[in-house]
Amino acid sequence: MYETLSHFAQTGGMLYFVAIFVAVLAYALWPRNQKRFDEAAQLPLNDREPGDE
């Protein structure tokens, strides 16, 4: 009984985390989000302080 439940939990957990990984990867690589990530990548290089116009 314990081995069956353990096997099910390990397999289910692995599938769950793989599904989450694929979802995060798809979100990060989705073309619509490219501008947002490009802007975020440039933030450390921006010389302006928040509130400067």
PDB file of N, CA and C in Angstrom:
ATOM      1  N   MET A   1       0.827  -1.193   0.000  1.00  0.00           N
ATOM      2  CA  MET A   1       0.000   0.000   0.000  1.00  0.00           C
ATOM      3  C   MET A   1       0.878   1.267   0.000  1.00  0.00           C
ATOM      4  N   TYR A   2       1.868   1.314   0.891  1.00  0.00           N
ATOM      5  CA  TYR A   2       2.729   2.491   0.981  1.00  0.00           C
ATOM      6  C   TYR A   2       3.509   2.696  -0.316  1.00  0.00           C
ATOM      7  N   GLU A   3       4.025   1.612  -0.877  1.00  0.00           N
ATOM      8  CA  GLU A   3       4.813   1.731  -2.109  1.00  0.00           C
ATOM      9  C   GLU A   3       3.950   2.232  -3.259  1.00  0.00           C
ATOM     10  N   THR A   4       2.723   1.777  -3.356  1.00  0.00           N
ATOM     11  CA  THR A   4       1.816   2.224  -4.414  1.00  0.00           C
ATOM     12  C   THR A   4       1.504   3.704  -4.253  1.00  0.00           C
ATOM     13  N   LEU A   5       1.208   4.115  -3.044  1.00  0.00           N
ATOM     14  CA  LEU A   5       0.903   5.526  -2.782  1.00  0.00           C
ATOM     15  C   LEU A   5       2.133   6.398  -3.011  1.00  0.00           C
ATOM     16  N   SER A   6       3.287   5.912  -2.609  1.00  0.00           N
ATOM     17  CA  SER A   6       4.526   6.653  -2.808  1.00  0.00           C
ATOM     18  C   SER A   6       4.826   6.817  -4.292  1.00  0.00           C
ATOM     19  N   HIS A   7       4.658   5.753  -5.042  1.00  0.00           N
ATOM     20  CA  HIS A   7       4.902   5.813  -6.492  1.00  0.00           C
ATOM     21  C   HIS A   7       3.945   6.800  -7.160  1.00  0.00           C
ATOM     22  N   PHE A   8       2.679   6.764  -6.776  1.00  0.00           N
ATOM     23  CA  PHE A   8       1.687   7.681  -7.333  1.00  0.00           C
ATOM     24  C   PHE A   8       2.035   9.126  -6.998  1.00  0.00           C
ATOM     25  N   ALA A   9       2.448   9.379  -5.746  1.00  0.00           N
ATOM     26  CA  ALA A   9       2.781  10.743  -5.337  1.00  0.00           C
ATOM     27  C   ALA A   9       4.014  11.253  -6.079  1.00  0.00           C
ATOM     28  N   GLN A  10       5.013  10.411  -6.259  1.00  0.00           N
ATOM     29  CA  GLN A  10       6.222  10.826  -6.968  1.00  0.00           C
ATOM     30  C   GLN A  10       5.921  11.114  -8.431  1.00  0.00           C
ATOM     31  N   THR A  11       5.162  10.247  -9.070  1.00  0.00           N
ATOM     32  CA  THR A  11       4.826  10.445 -10.480  1.00  0.00           C
ATOM     33  C   THR A  11       3.930  11.663 -10.656  1.00  0.00           C
ATOM     34  N   GLY A  12       2.930  11.794  -9.805  1.00  0.00           N
ATOM     35  CA  GLY A  12       2.030  12.943  -9.881  1.00  0.00           C
ATOM     36  C   GLY A  12       2.753  14.246  -9.627  1.00  0.00           C
ATOM     37  N   GLY A  13       3.647  14.258  -8.655  1.00  0.00           N
ATOM     38  CA  GLY A  13       4.412  15.457  -8.357  1.00  0.00           C
ATOM     39  C   GLY A  13       5.315  15.848  -9.506  1.00  0.00           C
ATOM     40  N   MET A  14       5.951  14.858 -10.116  1.00  0.00           N
ATOM     41  CA  MET A  14       6.824  15.148 -11.250  1.00  0.00           C
ATOM     42  C   MET A  14       6.015  15.733 -12.410  1.00  0.00           C
ATOM     43  N   LEU A  15       4.875  15.155 -12.707  1.00  0.00           N
ATOM     44  CA  LEU A  15       4.035  15.669 -13.791  1.00  0.00           C
ATOM     45  C   LEU A  15       3.537  17.079 -13.480  1.00  0.00           C
ATOM     46  N   TYR A  16       3.211  17.327 -12.221  1.00  0.00           N
ATOM     47  CA  TYR A  16       2.757  18.648 -11.798  1.00  0.00           C
ATOM     48  C   TYR A  16       3.847  19.693 -12.020  1.00  0.00           C
ATOM     49  N   PHE A  17       5.061  19.405 -11.589  1.00  0.00           N
ATOM     50  CA  PHE A  17       6.149  20.364 -11.733  1.00  0.00           C
ATOM     51  C   PHE A  17       6.577  20.534 -13.187  1.00  0.00           C
ATOM     52  N   VAL A  18       6.503  19.482 -13.983  1.00  0.00           N
ATOM     53  CA  VAL A  18       6.804  19.608 -15.409  1.00  0.00           C
ATOM     54  C   VAL A  18       5.764  20.505 -16.067  1.00  0.00           C
ATOM     55  N   ALA A  19       4.502  20.337 -15.702  1.00  0.00           N
ATOM     56  CA  ALA A  19       3.446  21.183 -16.266  1.00  0.00           C
ATOM     57  C   ALA A  19       3.647  22.645 -15.883  1.00  0.00           C
ATOM     58  N   ILE A  20       4.017  22.907 -14.640  1.00  0.00           N
ATOM     59  CA  ILE A  20       4.266  24.284 -14.212  1.00  0.00           C
ATOM     60  C   ILE A  20       5.471  24.855 -14.956  1.00  0.00           C
ATOM     61  N   PHE A  21       6.531  24.052 -15.120  1.00  0.00           N
ATOM     62  CA  PHE A  21       7.715  24.513 -15.835  1.00  0.00           C
ATOM     63  C   PHE A  21       7.366  24.874 -17.275  1.00  0.00           C
ATOM     64  N   VAL A  22       6.582  24.038 -17.939  1.00  0.00           N
ATOM     65  CA  VAL A  22       6.195  24.315 -19.323  1.00  0.00           C
ATOM     66  C   VAL A  22       5.344  25.576 -19.390  1.00  0.00           C
ATOM     67  N   ALA A  23       4.457  25.783 -18.431  1.00  0.00           N
ATOM     68  CA  ALA A  23       3.619  26.980 -18.423  1.00  0.00           C
ATOM     69  C   ALA A  23       4.459  28.246 -18.231  1.00  0.00           C
ATOM     70  N   VAL A  24       5.420  28.212 -17.318  1.00  0.00           N
ATOM     71  CA  VAL A  24       6.283  29.378 -17.086  1.00  0.00           C
ATOM     72  C   VAL A  24       7.152  29.635 -18.312  1.00  0.00           C
ATOM     73  N   LEU A  25       7.667  28.583 -18.908  1.00  0.00           N
ATOM     74  CA  LEU A  25       8.489  28.731 -20.107  1.00  0.00           C
ATOM     75  C   LEU A  25       7.674  29.319 -21.259  1.00  0.00           C
ATOM     76  N   ALA A  26       6.447  28.842 -21.436  1.00  0.00           N
ATOM     77  CA  ALA A  26       5.588  29.378 -22.493  1.00  0.00           C
ATOM     78  C   ALA A  26       5.281  30.852 -22.233  1.00  0.00           C
ATOM     79  N   TYR A  27       5.030  31.219 -20.983  1.00  0.00           N
ATOM     80  CA  TYR A  27       4.764  32.621 -20.648  1.00  0.00           C
ATOM     81  C   TYR A  27       5.980  33.496 -20.957  1.00  0.00           C
ATOM     82  N   ALA A  28       7.156  33.002 -20.607  1.00  0.00           N
ATOM     83  CA  ALA A  28       8.365  33.798 -20.816  1.00  0.00           C
ATOM     84  C   ALA A  28       8.702  33.944 -22.293  1.00  0.00           C
ATOM     85  N   LEU A  29       8.380  32.966 -23.100  1.00  0.00           N
ATOM     86  CA  LEU A  29       8.746  32.993 -24.517  1.00  0.00           C
ATOM     87  C   LEU A  29       7.600  33.439 -25.430  1.00  0.00           C
ATOM     88  N   TRP A  30       6.445  33.744 -24.858  1.00  0.00           N
ATOM     89  CA  TRP A  30       5.295  34.159 -25.664  1.00  0.00           C
ATOM     90  C   TRP A  30       5.621  35.502 -26.328  1.00  0.00           C
ATOM     91  N   PRO A  31       5.418  35.630 -27.631  1.00  0.00           N
ATOM     92  CA  PRO A  31       5.799  36.862 -28.343  1.00  0.00           C
ATOM     93  C   PRO A  31       5.157  38.129 -27.772  1.00  0.00           C
ATOM     94  N   ARG A  32       3.962  38.040 -27.254  1.00  0.00           N
ATOM     95  CA  ARG A  32       3.275  39.214 -26.720  1.00  0.00           C
ATOM     96  C   ARG A  32       4.010  39.795 -25.511  1.00  0.00           C
ATOM     97  N   ASN A  33       4.767  38.978 -24.765  1.00  0.00           N
ATOM     98  CA  ASN A  33       5.457  39.432 -23.561  1.00  0.00           C
ATOM     99  C   ASN A  33       6.875  39.914 -23.836  1.00  0.00           C
ATOM    100  N   GLN A  34       7.320  39.873 -25.065  1.00  0.00           N
ATOM    101  CA  GLN A  34       8.705  40.212 -25.376  1.00  0.00           C
ATOM    102  C   GLN A  34       9.036  41.657 -25.006  1.00  0.00           C
ATOM    103  N   LYS A  35       8.151  42.598 -25.318  1.00  0.00           N
ATOM    104  CA  LYS A  35       8.423  44.001 -25.021  1.00  0.00           C
ATOM    105  C   LYS A  35       8.584  44.217 -23.520  1.00  0.00           C
ATOM    106  N   ARG A  36       7.719  43.599 -22.719  1.00  0.00           N
ATOM    107  CA  ARG A  36       7.781  43.740 -21.269  1.00  0.00           C
ATOM    108  C   ARG A  36       9.115  43.230 -20.726  1.00  0.00           C
ATOM    109  N   PHE A  37       9.571  42.084 -21.216  1.00  0.00           N
ATOM    110  CA  PHE A  37      10.828  41.530 -20.729  1.00  0.00           C
ATOM    111  C   PHE A  37      12.025  42.310 -21.255  1.00  0.00           C
ATOM    112  N   ASP A  38      11.936  42.827 -22.461  1.00  0.00           N
ATOM    113  CA  ASP A  38      13.026  43.660 -22.983  1.00  0.00           C
ATOM    114  C   ASP A  38      13.175  44.943 -22.160  1.00  0.00           C
ATOM    115  N   GLU A  39      12.055  45.555 -21.809  1.00  0.00           N
ATOM    116  CA  GLU A  39      12.104  46.763 -20.978  1.00  0.00           C
ATOM    117  C   GLU A  39      12.669  46.445 -19.593  1.00  0.00           C
ATOM    118  N   ALA A  40      12.272  45.330 -19.022  1.00  0.00           N
ATOM    119  CA  ALA A  40      12.777  44.948 -17.699  1.00  0.00           C
ATOM    120  C   ALA A  40      14.276  44.651 -17.753  1.00  0.00           C
ATOM    121  N   ALA A  41      14.748  44.115 -18.859  1.00  0.00           N
ATOM    122  CA  ALA A  41      16.172  43.813 -18.998  1.00  0.00           C
ATOM    123  C   ALA A  41      17.007  45.088 -19.071  1.00  0.00           C
ATOM    124  N   GLN A  42      16.416  46.179 -19.542  1.00  0.00           N
ATOM    125  CA  GLN A  42      17.147  47.435 -19.678  1.00  0.00           C
ATOM    126  C   GLN A  42      17.093  48.300 -18.418  1.00  0.00           C
ATOM    127  N   LEU A  43      16.277  47.956 -17.446  1.00  0.00           N
ATOM    128  CA  LEU A  43      16.128  48.777 -16.245  1.00  0.00           C
ATOM    129  C   LEU A  43      17.447  49.012 -15.507  1.00  0.00           C
ATOM    130  N   PRO A  44      18.307  48.015 -15.320  1.00  0.00           N
ATOM    131  CA  PRO A  44      19.557  48.296 -14.606  1.00  0.00           C
ATOM    132  C   PRO A  44      20.488  49.245 -15.368  1.00  0.00           C
ATOM    133  N   LEU A  45      20.302  49.374 -16.659  1.00  0.00           N
ATOM    134  CA  LEU A  45      21.154  50.231 -17.472  1.00  0.00           C
ATOM    135  C   LEU A  45      20.614  51.653 -17.604  1.00  0.00           C
ATOM    136  N   ASN A  46      19.435  51.873 -17.105  1.00  0.00           N
ATOM    137  CA  ASN A  46      18.772  53.175 -17.215  1.00  0.00           C
ATOM    138  C   ASN A  46      19.380  54.140 -16.197  1.00  0.00           C
ATOM    139  N   ASP A  47      19.814  55.315 -16.665  1.00  0.00           N
ATOM    140  CA  ASP A  47      20.444  56.303 -15.794  1.00  0.00           C
ATOM    141  C   ASP A  47      19.441  57.161 -15.030  1.00  0.00           C
ATOM    142  N   ARG A  48      18.225  57.193 -15.498  1.00  0.00           N
ATOM    143  CA  ARG A  48      17.233  58.066 -14.856  1.00  0.00           C
ATOM    144  C   ARG A  48      16.752  57.443 -13.554  1.00  0.00           C
ATOM    145  N   GLU A  49      16.458  58.317 -12.603  1.00  0.00           N
ATOM    146  CA  GLU A  49      15.896  57.896 -11.325  1.00  0.00           C
ATOM    147  C   GLU A  49      14.375  57.874 -11.447  1.00  0.00           C
ATOM    148  N   PRO A  50      13.702  57.086 -10.652  1.00  0.00           N
ATOM    149  CA  PRO A  50      12.239  57.115 -10.675  1.00  0.00           C
ATOM    150  C   PRO A  50      11.732  58.515 -10.332  1.00  0.00           C
ATOM    151  N   GLY A  51      10.803  59.019 -11.099  1.00  0.00           N
ATOM    152  CA  GLY A  51      10.265  60.360 -10.905  1.00  0.00           C
ATOM    153  C   GLY A  51      10.899  61.408 -11.778  1.00  0.00           C
ATOM    154  N   ASP A  52      12.054  61.114 -12.381  1.00  0.00           N
ATOM    155  CA  ASP A  52      12.676  62.040 -13.327  1.00  0.00           C
ATOM    156  C   ASP A  52      11.897  62.025 -14.628  1.00  0.00           C
ATOM    157  N   GLU A  53      11.737  63.196 -15.194  1.00  0.00           N
ATOM    158  CA  GLU A  53      11.017  63.269 -16.478  1.00  0.00           C
ATOM    159  C   GLU A  53      11.976  63.640 -17.575  1.00  0.00           C
TER     160      GLU A  53
END
